[in-house]
Amino acid sequence: MEQSVEQARESASQAAPKLIPGKNGVVPPPEHRFQKGRSGNPGGRPKLSEDLRAKLEDAKIRAKVVDALLQRVENGDPRAIELLWDRYEGKLTQRVDSDITQRTIVIEAGMEETPEPDA
């Protein structure tokens, strides 16, 4: 028994989840969104294995790792340069200044009103 095109479309639309257009694309249906109070990564960041940790305790292996990093730096690898610089000098800090003396009030009609500065 064959389905009509309309019946096929209707059954497909019923089977597919309803997609909601959002600010950054399509919002997933509620059952597929992050649940409040539940971590998206419950296991956390994986720890180093005991085997790898033991190998990194060996001075010869540490020296090989440093030599490999220095070789990549000499070859101009920007990620290796950044990694070495961050470890040697510390990460660069970025200073952010702000001025909160002026406040803007948004009125429901959509017009903006700037209050007089407090004396």
Protein backbone atom coordinates (compact mmCIF):
# COMPACT_ATOMS: atom_id res chain seq x y z
CA MET A 1 0.00 0.00 0.00
CA GLU A 2 1.53 3.30 -1.12
CA GLN A 3 1.36 6.54 0.84
CA SER A 4 0.49 9.80 -0.78
CA VAL A 5 3.05 12.60 -0.71
CA GLU A 6 0.95 14.49 1.85
CA GLN A 7 0.72 11.46 4.15
CA ALA A 8 4.50 10.93 3.93
CA ARG A 9 5.15 14.58 4.81
CA GLU A 10 2.72 14.44 7.72
CA SER A 11 4.24 11.27 9.18
CA ALA A 12 7.76 12.70 8.75
CA SER A 13 6.80 15.94 10.49
CA GLN A 14 5.31 14.00 13.40
CA ALA A 15 8.44 11.84 13.79
CA ALA A 16 10.92 14.73 13.60
CA PRO A 17 11.36 16.92 16.70
CA LYS A 18 10.01 20.44 16.45
CA LEU A 19 12.89 22.83 15.77
CA ILE A 20 12.67 26.27 17.31
CA PRO A 21 14.55 29.11 15.62
CA GLY A 22 16.75 30.89 18.15
CA LYS A 23 19.17 33.77 18.39
CA ASN A 24 22.18 31.63 17.43
CA GLY A 25 20.54 29.13 15.10
CA VAL A 26 18.14 26.36 16.01
CA VAL A 27 17.30 25.66 19.66
CA PRO A 28 17.04 21.95 20.49
CA PRO A 29 13.80 20.58 21.93
CA PRO A 30 13.50 20.87 25.75
CA GLU A 31 14.32 17.19 26.40
CA HIS A 32 17.71 17.64 24.65
CA ARG A 33 18.77 20.87 26.35
CA PHE A 34 21.07 21.05 29.36
CA GLN A 35 19.16 20.21 32.51
CA LYS A 36 19.26 22.71 35.37
CA GLY A 37 21.50 21.51 38.19
CA ARG A 38 23.13 18.75 36.11
CA SER A 39 26.70 19.06 34.82
CA GLY A 40 27.36 18.75 31.10
CA ASN A 41 30.62 16.99 32.02
CA PRO A 42 29.89 14.91 35.13
CA GLY A 43 33.18 12.99 35.02
CA GLY A 44 35.26 16.16 34.87
CA ARG A 45 38.61 16.46 33.17
CA PRO A 46 40.35 13.07 32.89
CA LYS A 47 43.36 12.56 35.16
CA LEU A 48 46.79 11.48 33.91
CA SER A 49 47.19 7.72 33.99
CA GLU A 50 49.51 6.32 36.64
CA ASP A 51 51.73 4.94 33.87
CA LEU A 52 52.15 8.34 32.21
CA ARG A 53 52.65 10.05 35.57
CA ALA A 54 55.43 7.57 36.43
CA LYS A 55 57.11 8.11 33.05
CA LEU A 56 57.09 11.89 33.54
CA GLU A 57 58.96 11.42 36.82
CA ASP A 58 61.93 10.03 34.85
CA ALA A 59 64.50 12.81 34.23
CA LYS A 60 65.53 11.38 30.82
CA ILE A 61 61.95 11.45 29.53
CA ARG A 62 61.45 14.98 30.88
CA ALA A 63 64.58 16.06 29.02
CA LYS A 64 63.23 14.51 25.80
CA VAL A 65 59.93 16.37 26.21
CA VAL A 66 61.76 19.68 26.73
CA ASP A 67 64.04 18.99 23.73
CA ALA A 68 61.00 18.23 21.54
CA LEU A 69 59.31 21.45 22.66
CA LEU A 70 62.48 23.49 21.98
CA GLN A 71 62.78 21.89 18.54
CA ARG A 72 59.21 22.96 17.71
CA VAL A 73 60.00 26.49 18.97
CA GLU A 74 63.10 26.63 16.73
CA ASN A 75 60.93 25.55 13.78
CA GLY A 76 58.61 28.49 14.46
CA ASP A 77 55.56 26.62 15.82
CA PRO A 78 53.45 29.45 17.33
CA ARG A 79 51.65 27.16 19.80
CA ALA A 80 54.98 25.81 21.10
CA ILE A 81 56.32 29.36 21.42
CA GLU A 82 53.23 30.41 23.39
CA LEU A 83 53.46 27.34 25.63
CA LEU A 84 57.14 27.88 26.37
CA TRP A 85 56.68 31.61 26.97
CA ASP A 86 53.72 31.07 29.30
CA ARG A 87 55.70 28.52 31.34
CA TYR A 88 58.86 30.63 31.43
CA GLU A 89 57.52 34.16 31.97
CA GLY A 90 53.97 33.45 33.12
CA LYS A 91 50.81 34.19 31.17
CA LEU A 92 50.30 37.76 30.07
CA THR A 93 47.58 39.62 31.88
CA GLN A 94 45.11 41.87 30.12
CA ARG A 95 44.12 45.02 31.95
CA VAL A 96 40.50 46.09 31.64
CA ASP A 97 39.36 49.54 32.73
CA SER A 98 35.76 50.49 33.28
CA ASP A 99 33.90 53.66 34.08
CA ILE A 100 30.49 53.18 35.68
CA THR A 101 29.77 56.78 36.65
CA GLN A 102 27.22 57.24 33.84
CA ARG A 103 24.06 55.10 33.93
CA THR A 104 21.53 54.59 31.16
CA ILE A 105 17.89 53.84 31.89
CA VAL A 106 15.85 52.10 29.20
CA ILE A 107 12.18 53.05 29.28
CA GLU A 108 9.55 50.53 28.12
CA ALA A 109 8.66 52.56 25.05
CA GLY A 110 12.21 51.97 23.83
CA MET A 111 13.53 55.47 24.32
CA GLU A 112 16.64 56.02 26.41
CA GLU A 113 16.98 58.57 29.17
CA THR A 114 20.29 59.43 30.82
CA PRO A 115 19.87 60.57 34.44
CA GLU A 116 21.65 63.58 35.80
CA PRO A 117 24.90 62.69 37.60
CA ASP A 118 24.60 62.54 41.39
CA ALA A 119 25.99 65.66 43.04
